[in-house]
Amino acid sequence: MFRKPLMALTGLSLLLAISPVRAGEPDMAALTQEGKEVMMGFGTALKAELVKAMKEGGPTKAIPVCNVEAPKLAKIASDKSGWAVGRSSHKLRNSKNAPDPFTRAAIDDFLAREAAGEKADKMIKTAIVEEGGQKVFRLVKAIPTAKPCLNCHGGAGVKPKVVEALAKLYPDDAARGFSEGQMRGVFTLSKVLR
């Protein structure tokens, strides 16, 4: 008489017992997936603007996209998603993108892993940290240098007119000398946990 409800209850108990997320604990996999989706939305929007500018006028037309439009797109992604979205690097072009300690540690880890032969496109770091008395989920993802990026981020092959345009907007530019596939920076995202 009670056999079916008892079996269902036992099955539910077993499912809850083996569940990787305990009540009240954040679901790291779900947060990582959500963060990746926010990051991809931002990255896709930025790439679309860069491709459009490159088609309209080449690298010198694309430079202002990174300077002016990228921060706007990051703010839009942040406002829409509730995540803080940004970019940083170990070789900064814009000092406003300097890494905080968590991001700096992730960058250092990624550089060591890259030196050991790991591909930049696979590198990601996630953690829940305490910041300002709040629990915050952090996600840092390496940005590999794509071939078109070499127009502004490459080495000696960067054209003089591009170097000149970069110098006007970024007098302390250090974001050059990269090769295709090499990590040139990171996406950095965070979300305050409730």
N, C-alpha and C. Protein backbone atom coordinates (compact mmCIF):
# COMPACT_ATOMS: atom_id res chain seq x y z
N MET A 1 0.81 -1.18 0.00
CA MET A 1 0.00 0.00 0.00
C MET A 1 0.86 1.26 0.00
N PHE A 2 1.92 1.31 0.79
CA PHE A 2 2.79 2.48 0.86
C PHE A 2 4.06 2.30 0.03
N ARG A 3 4.11 1.25 -0.72
CA ARG A 3 5.35 0.87 -1.40
C ARG A 3 5.79 1.92 -2.43
N LYS A 4 4.91 2.38 -3.33
CA LYS A 4 5.30 3.34 -4.37
C LYS A 4 5.71 4.69 -3.79
N PRO A 5 4.92 5.27 -2.87
CA PRO A 5 5.37 6.54 -2.29
C PRO A 5 6.68 6.38 -1.53
N LEU A 6 6.86 5.23 -0.85
CA LEU A 6 8.09 5.00 -0.10
C LEU A 6 9.28 4.90 -1.05
N MET A 7 9.10 4.22 -2.19
CA MET A 7 10.18 4.11 -3.18
C MET A 7 10.51 5.48 -3.75
N ALA A 8 9.51 6.30 -4.03
CA ALA A 8 9.74 7.64 -4.57
C ALA A 8 10.49 8.49 -3.56
N LEU A 9 10.09 8.38 -2.28
CA LEU A 9 10.73 9.15 -1.22
C LEU A 9 12.18 8.70 -1.04
N THR A 10 12.41 7.39 -1.11
CA THR A 10 13.77 6.85 -0.98
C THR A 10 14.64 7.33 -2.15
N GLY A 11 14.08 7.30 -3.36
CA GLY A 11 14.81 7.78 -4.53
C GLY A 11 15.17 9.25 -4.42
N LEU A 12 14.23 10.06 -3.94
CA LEU A 12 14.47 11.49 -3.76
C LEU A 12 15.55 11.71 -2.70
N SER A 13 15.49 10.96 -1.61
CA SER A 13 16.50 11.08 -0.56
C SER A 13 17.88 10.73 -1.08
N LEU A 14 17.95 9.68 -1.88
CA LEU A 14 19.22 9.26 -2.46
C LEU A 14 19.75 10.34 -3.41
N LEU A 15 18.89 10.91 -4.22
CA LEU A 15 19.28 11.97 -5.14
C LEU A 15 19.83 13.17 -4.38
N LEU A 16 19.15 13.56 -3.32
CA LEU A 16 19.61 14.69 -2.51
C LEU A 16 20.93 14.38 -1.82
N ALA A 17 21.13 13.15 -1.41
CA ALA A 17 22.35 12.76 -0.72
C ALA A 17 23.56 12.80 -1.63
N ILE A 18 23.37 12.49 -2.93
CA ILE A 18 24.52 12.48 -3.83
C ILE A 18 24.65 13.78 -4.63
N SER A 19 23.74 14.70 -4.41
CA SER A 19 23.80 15.97 -5.12
C SER A 19 25.07 16.72 -4.75
N PRO A 20 25.78 17.30 -5.75
CA PRO A 20 27.04 17.98 -5.46
C PRO A 20 26.84 19.33 -4.75
N VAL A 21 25.63 19.85 -4.72
CA VAL A 21 25.38 21.14 -4.10
C VAL A 21 24.54 20.92 -2.85
N ARG A 22 25.06 21.32 -1.72
CA ARG A 22 24.31 21.22 -0.48
C ARG A 22 23.46 22.47 -0.32
N ALA A 23 22.40 22.35 0.44
CA ALA A 23 21.50 23.48 0.67
C ALA A 23 22.31 24.66 1.20
N GLY A 24 22.10 25.81 0.60
CA GLY A 24 22.77 27.03 1.05
C GLY A 24 24.14 27.25 0.43
N GLU A 25 24.70 26.25 -0.26
CA GLU A 25 26.00 26.41 -0.90
C GLU A 25 25.82 26.81 -2.36
N PRO A 26 26.66 27.71 -2.85
CA PRO A 26 26.56 28.12 -4.26
C PRO A 26 26.88 26.96 -5.19
N ASP A 27 26.22 26.92 -6.30
CA ASP A 27 26.45 25.90 -7.34
C ASP A 27 27.54 26.44 -8.27
N MET A 28 28.77 25.98 -8.05
CA MET A 28 29.92 26.49 -8.81
C MET A 28 29.77 26.24 -10.31
N ALA A 29 29.26 25.08 -10.68
CA ALA A 29 29.10 24.77 -12.11
C ALA A 29 28.10 25.71 -12.75
N ALA A 30 26.99 25.97 -12.07
CA ALA A 30 25.97 26.86 -12.61
C ALA A 30 26.50 28.29 -12.70
N LEU A 31 27.23 28.74 -11.67
CA LEU A 31 27.80 30.09 -11.69
C LEU A 31 28.83 30.22 -12.81
N THR A 32 29.65 29.18 -12.98
CA THR A 32 30.65 29.21 -14.05
C THR A 32 29.97 29.30 -15.41
N GLN A 33 28.93 28.50 -15.61
CA GLN A 33 28.22 28.53 -16.88
C GLN A 33 27.57 29.90 -17.12
N GLU A 34 26.95 30.44 -16.09
CA GLU A 34 26.32 31.76 -16.21
C GLU A 34 27.37 32.82 -16.54
N GLY A 35 28.51 32.77 -15.85
CA GLY A 35 29.58 33.72 -16.11
C GLY A 35 30.12 33.61 -17.53
N LYS A 36 30.28 32.37 -18.00
CA LYS A 36 30.75 32.16 -19.36
C LYS A 36 29.77 32.75 -20.38
N GLU A 37 28.48 32.60 -20.12
CA GLU A 37 27.48 33.14 -21.03
C GLU A 37 27.53 34.67 -21.07
N VAL A 38 27.70 35.29 -19.91
CA VAL A 38 27.83 36.76 -19.85
C VAL A 38 29.09 37.18 -20.60
N MET A 39 30.20 36.48 -20.34
CA MET A 39 31.47 36.78 -21.00
C MET A 39 31.36 36.63 -22.52
N MET A 40 30.70 35.56 -22.96
CA MET A 40 30.55 35.33 -24.40
C MET A 40 29.70 36.42 -25.04
N GLY A 41 28.67 36.86 -24.33
CA GLY A 41 27.85 37.95 -24.85
C GLY A 41 28.66 39.22 -25.03
N PHE A 42 29.45 39.56 -24.03
CA PHE A 42 30.31 40.73 -24.11
C PHE A 42 31.35 40.56 -25.22
N GLY A 43 32.01 39.41 -25.24
CA GLY A 43 33.05 39.15 -26.25
C GLY A 43 32.50 39.19 -27.67
N THR A 44 31.32 38.63 -27.87
CA THR A 44 30.69 38.62 -29.19
C THR A 44 30.34 40.04 -29.64
N ALA A 45 29.79 40.84 -28.72
CA ALA A 45 29.44 42.23 -29.05
C ALA A 45 30.69 43.04 -29.38
N LEU A 46 31.76 42.85 -28.61
CA LEU A 46 33.00 43.57 -28.86
C LEU A 46 33.62 43.15 -30.20
N LYS A 47 33.64 41.86 -30.45
CA LYS A 47 34.20 41.35 -31.70
C LYS A 47 33.44 41.90 -32.90
N ALA A 48 32.11 41.95 -32.81
CA ALA A 48 31.30 42.47 -33.91
C ALA A 48 31.67 43.93 -34.21
N GLU A 49 31.85 44.72 -33.16
CA GLU A 49 32.23 46.13 -33.35
C GLU A 49 33.63 46.24 -33.96
N LEU A 50 34.55 45.39 -33.52
CA LEU A 50 35.91 45.42 -34.06
C LEU A 50 35.94 45.00 -35.52
N VAL A 51 35.21 43.96 -35.87
CA VAL A 51 35.15 43.48 -37.26
C VAL A 51 34.57 44.57 -38.16
N LYS A 52 33.50 45.20 -37.70
CA LYS A 52 32.87 46.28 -38.46
C LYS A 52 33.87 47.42 -38.69
N ALA A 53 34.56 47.83 -37.64
CA ALA A 53 35.54 48.92 -37.77
C ALA A 53 36.69 48.54 -38.69
N MET A 54 37.15 47.29 -38.59
CA MET A 54 38.25 46.84 -39.46
C MET A 54 37.82 46.88 -40.92
N LYS A 55 36.59 46.49 -41.21
CA LYS A 55 36.09 46.52 -42.59
C LYS A 55 35.96 47.95 -43.10
N GLU A 56 35.59 48.85 -42.19
CA GLU A 56 35.39 50.25 -42.59
C GLU A 56 36.70 51.02 -42.77
N GLY A 57 37.73 50.66 -42.01
CA GLY A 57 38.94 51.47 -42.11
C GLY A 57 40.20 50.85 -41.56
N GLY A 58 40.20 49.55 -41.35
CA GLY A 58 41.41 48.88 -40.89
C GLY A 58 41.70 49.10 -39.41
N PRO A 59 42.91 48.74 -38.98
CA PRO A 59 43.25 48.79 -37.57
C PRO A 59 43.12 50.17 -36.93
N THR A 60 43.46 51.22 -37.66
CA THR A 60 43.36 52.55 -37.04
C THR A 60 41.92 52.93 -36.74
N LYS A 61 40.98 52.38 -37.46
CA LYS A 61 39.55 52.60 -37.19
C LYS A 61 39.09 51.71 -36.03
N ALA A 62 39.75 50.58 -35.82
CA ALA A 62 39.37 49.65 -34.75
C ALA A 62 39.90 50.08 -33.39
N ILE A 63 40.98 50.82 -33.35
CA ILE A 63 41.59 51.22 -32.07
C ILE A 63 40.59 51.96 -31.17
N PRO A 64 39.83 52.94 -31.71
CA PRO A 64 38.86 53.62 -30.85
C PRO A 64 37.74 52.71 -30.33
N VAL A 65 37.50 51.60 -31.01
CA VAL A 65 36.50 50.65 -30.52
C VAL A 65 36.95 50.09 -29.17
N CYS A 66 38.21 49.70 -29.09
CA CYS A 66 38.74 49.18 -27.82
C CYS A 66 38.81 50.28 -26.77
N ASN A 67 39.11 51.49 -27.19
CA ASN A 67 39.28 52.60 -26.27
C ASN A 67 37.95 53.13 -25.74
N VAL A 68 36.97 53.29 -26.62
CA VAL A 68 35.71 53.94 -26.26
C VAL A 68 34.56 52.93 -26.13
N GLU A 69 34.41 52.07 -27.12
CA GLU A 69 33.25 51.18 -27.16
C GLU A 69 33.36 50.00 -26.20
N ALA A 70 34.55 49.44 -26.01
CA ALA A 70 34.68 48.27 -25.12
C ALA A 70 34.21 48.58 -23.70
N PRO A 71 34.60 49.71 -23.10
CA PRO A 71 34.07 50.00 -21.76
C PRO A 71 32.55 50.17 -21.75
N LYS A 72 31.99 50.75 -22.81
CA LYS A 72 30.53 50.90 -22.89
C LYS A 72 29.86 49.53 -22.98
N LEU A 73 30.43 48.65 -23.81
CA LEU A 73 29.87 47.30 -23.96
C LEU A 73 29.99 46.51 -22.66
N ALA A 74 31.09 46.70 -21.93
CA ALA A 74 31.25 46.02 -20.64
C ALA A 74 30.21 46.51 -19.65
N LYS A 75 29.94 47.81 -19.66
CA LYS A 75 28.92 48.38 -18.76
C LYS A 75 27.53 47.85 -19.12
N ILE A 76 27.23 47.79 -20.41
CA ILE A 76 25.94 47.25 -20.85
C ILE A 76 25.79 45.80 -20.38
N ALA A 77 26.84 44.99 -20.59
CA ALA A 77 26.80 43.58 -20.17
C ALA A 77 26.65 43.49 -18.65
N SER A 78 27.34 44.36 -17.92
CA SER A 78 27.25 44.35 -16.45
C SER A 78 25.85 44.73 -15.99
N ASP A 79 25.32 45.82 -16.54
CA ASP A 79 23.98 46.29 -16.15
C ASP A 79 22.90 45.25 -16.47
N LYS A 80 23.03 44.62 -17.62
CA LYS A 80 22.03 43.65 -18.06
C LYS A 80 22.06 42.36 -17.24
N SER A 81 23.26 41.94 -16.85
CA SER A 81 23.43 40.63 -16.23
C SER A 81 23.53 40.63 -14.71
N GLY A 82 23.92 41.76 -14.13
CA GLY A 82 24.18 41.79 -12.70
C GLY A 82 25.58 41.34 -12.33
N TRP A 83 26.40 41.08 -13.33
CA TRP A 83 27.81 40.72 -13.14
C TRP A 83 28.65 41.97 -13.39
N ALA A 84 29.82 42.06 -12.76
CA ALA A 84 30.81 43.07 -13.12
C ALA A 84 31.68 42.45 -14.20
N VAL A 85 31.76 43.11 -15.37
CA VAL A 85 32.45 42.56 -16.53
C VAL A 85 33.59 43.50 -16.92
N GLY A 86 34.77 42.94 -17.17
CA GLY A 86 35.90 43.76 -17.59
C GLY A 86 36.97 42.94 -18.27
N ARG A 87 38.06 43.63 -18.58
CA ARG A 87 39.24 43.00 -19.18
C ARG A 87 40.47 43.50 -18.44
N SER A 88 41.52 42.70 -18.47
CA SER A 88 42.78 43.10 -17.87
C SER A 88 43.91 42.38 -18.60
N SER A 89 45.14 42.64 -18.19
CA SER A 89 46.28 42.00 -18.83
C SER A 89 47.54 42.16 -17.98
N HIS A 90 48.53 41.37 -18.32
CA HIS A 90 49.87 41.50 -17.75
C HIS A 90 50.69 42.52 -18.54
N LYS A 91 50.21 42.86 -19.74
CA LYS A 91 50.83 43.88 -20.58
C LYS A 91 49.72 44.88 -20.94
N LEU A 92 49.56 45.87 -20.09
CA LEU A 92 48.43 46.77 -20.21
C LEU A 92 48.57 47.76 -21.36
N ARG A 93 47.46 48.00 -21.99
CA ARG A 93 47.34 49.09 -22.95
C ARG A 93 46.69 50.28 -22.25
N ASN A 94 45.68 49.98 -21.44
CA ASN A 94 44.93 51.01 -20.72
C ASN A 94 45.11 50.76 -19.22
N SER A 95 45.70 51.71 -18.52
CA SER A 95 45.98 51.54 -17.09
C SER A 95 44.70 51.39 -16.26
N LYS A 96 43.55 51.81 -16.80
CA LYS A 96 42.28 51.65 -16.10
C LYS A 96 41.90 50.17 -15.97
N ASN A 97 42.54 49.31 -16.75
CA ASN A 97 42.25 47.87 -16.73
C ASN A 97 43.25 47.09 -15.89
N ALA A 98 43.98 47.77 -15.01
CA ALA A 98 44.98 47.08 -14.18
C ALA A 98 44.31 45.97 -13.36
N PRO A 99 44.96 44.84 -13.23
CA PRO A 99 44.35 43.72 -12.51
C PRO A 99 44.31 43.94 -11.00
N ASP A 100 43.22 43.49 -10.38
CA ASP A 100 43.16 43.46 -8.92
C ASP A 100 43.94 42.22 -8.47
N PRO A 101 44.15 42.02 -7.16
CA PRO A 101 44.97 40.88 -6.71
C PRO A 101 44.49 39.51 -7.20
N PHE A 102 43.17 39.27 -7.20
CA PHE A 102 42.66 37.97 -7.66
C PHE A 102 43.00 37.77 -9.14
N THR A 103 42.74 38.79 -9.94
CA THR A 103 42.99 38.71 -11.38
C THR A 103 44.49 38.58 -11.64
N ARG A 104 45.31 39.32 -10.89
CA ARG A 104 46.77 39.24 -11.04
C ARG A 104 47.26 37.82 -10.78
N ALA A 105 46.73 37.19 -9.71
CA ALA A 105 47.12 35.81 -9.39
C ALA A 105 46.71 34.86 -10.50
N ALA A 106 45.51 35.06 -11.08
CA ALA A 106 45.06 34.21 -12.19
C ALA A 106 45.96 34.41 -13.40
N ILE A 107 46.29 35.65 -13.72
CA ILE A 107 47.17 35.93 -14.86
C ILE A 107 48.52 35.25 -14.66
N ASP A 108 49.10 35.38 -13.47
CA ASP A 108 50.40 34.75 -13.19
C ASP A 108 50.32 33.23 -13.36
N ASP A 109 49.22 32.64 -12.87
CA ASP A 109 49.01 31.20 -13.02
C ASP A 109 48.91 30.83 -14.50
N PHE A 110 48.14 31.61 -15.26
CA PHE A 110 47.97 31.34 -16.69
C PHE A 110 49.30 31.44 -17.43
N LEU A 111 50.10 32.45 -17.09
CA LEU A 111 51.41 32.61 -17.75
C LEU A 111 52.31 31.41 -17.49
N ALA A 112 52.30 30.92 -16.26
CA ALA A 112 53.10 29.73 -15.92
C ALA A 112 52.60 28.50 -16.68
N ARG A 113 51.29 28.36 -16.75
CA ARG A 113 50.72 27.22 -17.48
C ARG A 113 51.01 27.32 -18.97
N GLU A 114 50.94 28.53 -19.50
CA GLU A 114 51.25 28.72 -20.91
C GLU A 114 52.72 28.39 -21.19
N ALA A 115 53.60 28.81 -20.29
CA ALA A 115 55.03 28.51 -20.44
C ALA A 115 55.29 27.00 -20.41
N ALA A 116 54.42 26.27 -19.71
CA ALA A 116 54.54 24.81 -19.63
C ALA A 116 53.87 24.11 -20.81
N GLY A 117 53.29 24.88 -21.74
CA GLY A 117 52.75 24.30 -22.96
C GLY A 117 51.24 24.28 -23.07
N GLU A 118 50.52 24.73 -22.05
CA GLU A 118 49.06 24.73 -22.12
C GLU A 118 48.57 25.84 -23.05
N LYS A 119 47.51 25.57 -23.79
CA LYS A 119 46.93 26.55 -24.71
C LYS A 119 46.12 27.59 -23.93
N ALA A 120 46.26 28.85 -24.31
CA ALA A 120 45.58 29.95 -23.62
C ALA A 120 44.07 29.84 -23.69
N ASP A 121 43.54 29.31 -24.79
CA ASP A 121 42.09 29.29 -24.95
C ASP A 121 41.38 28.34 -23.98
N LYS A 122 42.14 27.53 -23.25
CA LYS A 122 41.54 26.58 -22.30
C LYS A 122 41.64 27.06 -20.85
N MET A 123 42.30 28.18 -20.61
CA MET A 123 42.59 28.60 -19.24
C MET A 123 41.46 29.41 -18.63
N ILE A 124 41.01 28.94 -17.46
CA ILE A 124 39.96 29.62 -16.71
C ILE A 124 40.18 29.39 -15.23
N LYS A 125 39.86 30.39 -14.43
CA LYS A 125 39.96 30.25 -12.97
C LYS A 125 38.66 30.77 -12.37
N THR A 126 38.09 29.99 -11.44
CA THR A 126 36.89 30.40 -10.74
C THR A 126 37.09 30.18 -9.25
N ALA A 127 36.43 31.01 -8.46
CA ALA A 127 36.51 30.86 -7.00
C ALA A 127 35.44 31.73 -6.36
N ILE A 128 35.10 31.37 -5.14
CA ILE A 128 34.28 32.25 -4.30
C ILE A 128 35.22 32.86 -3.28
N VAL A 129 35.23 34.18 -3.24
CA VAL A 129 36.13 34.91 -2.35
C VAL A 129 35.33 35.88 -1.49
N GLU A 130 35.96 36.33 -0.43
CA GLU A 130 35.38 37.34 0.45
C GLU A 130 35.92 38.69 0.00
N GLU A 131 35.01 39.60 -0.35
CA GLU A 131 35.41 40.96 -0.76
C GLU A 131 34.46 41.95 -0.10
N GLY A 132 35.01 42.84 0.69
CA GLY A 132 34.19 43.87 1.33
C GLY A 132 33.08 43.29 2.19
N GLY A 133 33.34 42.18 2.84
CA GLY A 133 32.35 41.56 3.71
C GLY A 133 31.28 40.77 2.97
N GLN A 134 31.45 40.58 1.66
CA GLN A 134 30.48 39.83 0.87
C GLN A 134 31.16 38.65 0.19
N LYS A 135 30.38 37.59 -0.04
CA LYS A 135 30.87 36.47 -0.84
C LYS A 135 30.69 36.84 -2.30
N VAL A 136 31.76 36.68 -3.07
CA VAL A 136 31.75 37.05 -4.48
C VAL A 136 32.29 35.89 -5.31
N PHE A 137 31.55 35.53 -6.35
CA PHE A 137 32.02 34.54 -7.32
C PHE A 137 32.89 35.25 -8.33
N ARG A 138 34.11 34.77 -8.55
CA ARG A 138 35.04 35.37 -9.50
C ARG A 138 35.33 34.39 -10.62
N LEU A 139 35.44 34.92 -11.83
CA LEU A 139 35.78 34.13 -13.01
C LEU A 139 36.79 34.93 -13.84
N VAL A 140 37.90 34.32 -14.15
CA VAL A 140 38.91 34.92 -15.01
C VAL A 140 39.19 33.94 -16.15
N LYS A 141 39.13 34.42 -17.38
CA LYS A 141 39.33 33.57 -18.57
C LYS A 141 40.37 34.21 -19.47
N ALA A 142 41.37 33.44 -19.87
CA ALA A 142 42.42 33.94 -20.76
C ALA A 142 41.85 34.29 -22.13
N ILE A 143 42.39 35.35 -22.71
CA ILE A 143 42.03 35.76 -24.08
C ILE A 143 43.23 35.45 -24.98
N PRO A 144 43.10 34.46 -25.87
CA PRO A 144 44.20 34.18 -26.78
C PRO A 144 44.24 35.22 -27.90
N THR A 145 45.41 35.47 -28.43
CA THR A 145 45.58 36.43 -29.52
C THR A 145 45.19 35.78 -30.83
N ALA A 146 44.15 36.32 -31.45
CA ALA A 146 43.73 35.85 -32.77
C ALA A 146 44.55 36.57 -33.83
N LYS A 147 44.59 36.03 -35.02
CA LYS A 147 45.40 36.60 -36.10
C LYS A 147 45.09 38.08 -36.36
N PRO A 148 43.81 38.50 -36.45
CA PRO A 148 43.53 39.92 -36.68
C PRO A 148 44.04 40.83 -35.56
N CYS A 149 44.15 40.28 -34.35
CA CYS A 149 44.61 41.07 -33.20
C CYS A 149 46.06 41.52 -33.36
N LEU A 150 46.81 40.78 -34.18
CA LEU A 150 48.23 41.09 -34.37
C LEU A 150 48.43 42.45 -35.05
N ASN A 151 47.38 42.96 -35.71
CA ASN A 151 47.48 44.28 -36.34
C ASN A 151 47.81 45.36 -35.32
N CYS A 152 47.34 45.19 -34.10
CA CYS A 152 47.59 46.17 -33.03
C CYS A 152 48.40 45.60 -31.86
N HIS A 153 48.38 44.27 -31.69
CA HIS A 153 49.03 43.64 -30.53
C HIS A 153 50.27 42.83 -30.92
N GLY A 154 50.61 42.81 -32.21
CA GLY A 154 51.77 42.04 -32.65
C GLY A 154 53.08 42.72 -32.30
N GLY A 155 54.13 42.21 -32.86
CA GLY A 155 55.47 42.74 -32.60
C GLY A 155 55.90 43.75 -33.64
N ALA A 156 57.04 43.48 -34.26
CA ALA A 156 57.63 44.41 -35.23
C ALA A 156 56.76 44.60 -36.46
N GLY A 157 55.80 43.70 -36.69
CA GLY A 157 54.95 43.80 -37.87
C GLY A 157 53.82 44.82 -37.76
N VAL A 158 53.65 45.44 -36.58
CA VAL A 158 52.61 46.47 -36.42
C VAL A 158 53.02 47.68 -37.25
N LYS A 159 52.12 48.13 -38.12
CA LYS A 159 52.44 49.22 -39.05
C LYS A 159 52.64 50.54 -38.33
N PRO A 160 53.54 51.38 -38.85
CA PRO A 160 53.84 52.67 -38.21
C PRO A 160 52.60 53.54 -37.96
N LYS A 161 51.64 53.57 -38.88
CA LYS A 161 50.45 54.40 -38.67
C LYS A 161 49.61 53.86 -37.51
N VAL A 162 49.66 52.55 -37.28
CA VAL A 162 48.94 51.95 -36.15
C VAL A 162 49.67 52.29 -34.85
N VAL A 163 51.00 52.20 -34.88
CA VAL A 163 51.80 52.57 -33.71
C VAL A 163 51.53 54.02 -33.32
N GLU A 164 51.46 54.88 -34.32
CA GLU A 164 51.18 56.30 -34.08
C GLU A 164 49.79 56.50 -33.48
N ALA A 165 48.79 55.83 -34.02
CA ALA A 165 47.42 55.95 -33.52
C ALA A 165 47.32 55.42 -32.08
N LEU A 166 48.01 54.32 -31.80
CA LEU A 166 48.00 53.77 -30.45
C LEU A 166 48.66 54.73 -29.46
N ALA A 167 49.76 55.34 -29.88
CA ALA A 167 50.49 56.26 -29.00
C ALA A 167 49.64 57.46 -28.60
N LYS A 168 48.75 57.89 -29.48
CA LYS A 168 47.89 59.04 -29.16
C LYS A 168 46.90 58.71 -28.05
N LEU A 169 46.33 57.51 -28.09
CA LEU A 169 45.36 57.12 -27.08
C LEU A 169 45.98 56.44 -25.87
N TYR A 170 47.10 55.77 -26.07
CA TYR A 170 47.73 54.99 -25.01
C TYR A 170 49.23 55.30 -24.95
N PRO A 171 49.61 56.42 -24.35
CA PRO A 171 51.03 56.78 -24.33
C PRO A 171 51.92 55.77 -23.58
N ASP A 172 51.34 55.00 -22.68
CA ASP A 172 52.11 54.00 -21.92
C ASP A 172 51.81 52.57 -22.37
N ASP A 173 51.42 52.41 -23.63
CA ASP A 173 51.03 51.12 -24.17
C ASP A 173 52.12 50.07 -24.00
N ALA A 174 51.74 48.94 -23.41
CA ALA A 174 52.66 47.81 -23.28
C ALA A 174 52.06 46.55 -23.90
N ALA A 175 50.92 46.68 -24.57
CA ALA A 175 50.18 45.51 -25.06
C ALA A 175 50.56 45.12 -26.48
N ARG A 176 51.87 44.99 -26.70
CA ARG A 176 52.35 44.54 -28.01
C ARG A 176 53.39 43.45 -27.83
N GLY A 177 53.76 42.84 -28.94
CA GLY A 177 54.76 41.79 -28.91
C GLY A 177 54.18 40.39 -28.77
N PHE A 178 52.87 40.26 -28.96
CA PHE A 178 52.22 38.96 -28.84
C PHE A 178 52.29 38.20 -30.16
N SER A 179 52.16 36.88 -30.06
CA SER A 179 52.08 36.04 -31.24
C SER A 179 50.72 35.34 -31.24
N GLU A 180 50.34 34.83 -32.39
CA GLU A 180 49.03 34.19 -32.53
C GLU A 180 48.89 33.04 -31.53
N GLY A 181 47.76 33.01 -30.83
CA GLY A 181 47.47 31.98 -29.85
C GLY A 181 47.94 32.29 -28.44
N GLN A 182 48.85 33.22 -28.31
CA GLN A 182 49.41 33.58 -27.01
C GLN A 182 48.39 34.40 -26.21
N MET A 183 48.37 34.18 -24.89
CA MET A 183 47.47 34.96 -24.04
C MET A 183 47.91 36.42 -24.05
N ARG A 184 46.98 37.31 -24.41
CA ARG A 184 47.31 38.73 -24.38
C ARG A 184 46.58 39.47 -23.27
N GLY A 185 45.66 38.78 -22.61
CA GLY A 185 44.92 39.38 -21.52
C GLY A 185 43.86 38.42 -21.04
N VAL A 186 42.94 38.95 -20.23
CA VAL A 186 41.88 38.12 -19.67
C VAL A 186 40.56 38.88 -19.62
N PHE A 187 39.49 38.11 -19.68
CA PHE A 187 38.18 38.62 -19.28
C PHE A 187 38.10 38.38 -17.78
N THR A 188 37.55 39.32 -17.05
CA THR A 188 37.37 39.16 -15.62
C THR A 188 35.94 39.51 -15.24
N LEU A 189 35.28 38.59 -14.56
CA LEU A 189 33.89 38.76 -14.18
C LEU A 189 33.72 38.45 -12.71
N SER A 190 32.77 39.13 -12.09
CA SER A 190 32.45 38.84 -10.69
C SER A 190 30.98 39.06 -10.44
N LYS A 191 30.47 38.31 -9.46
CA LYS A 191 29.06 38.43 -9.08
C LYS A 191 28.94 38.27 -7.57
N VAL A 192 28.29 39.26 -6.96
CA VAL A 192 28.05 39.18 -5.51
C VAL A 192 26.98 38.13 -5.29
N LEU A 193 27.24 37.21 -4.36
CA LEU A 193 26.30 36.14 -4.05
C LEU A 193 25.36 36.58 -2.93
N ARG A 194 24.11 36.28 -3.07
CA ARG A 194 23.10 36.69 -2.07
C ARG A 194 22.91 35.59 -1.06
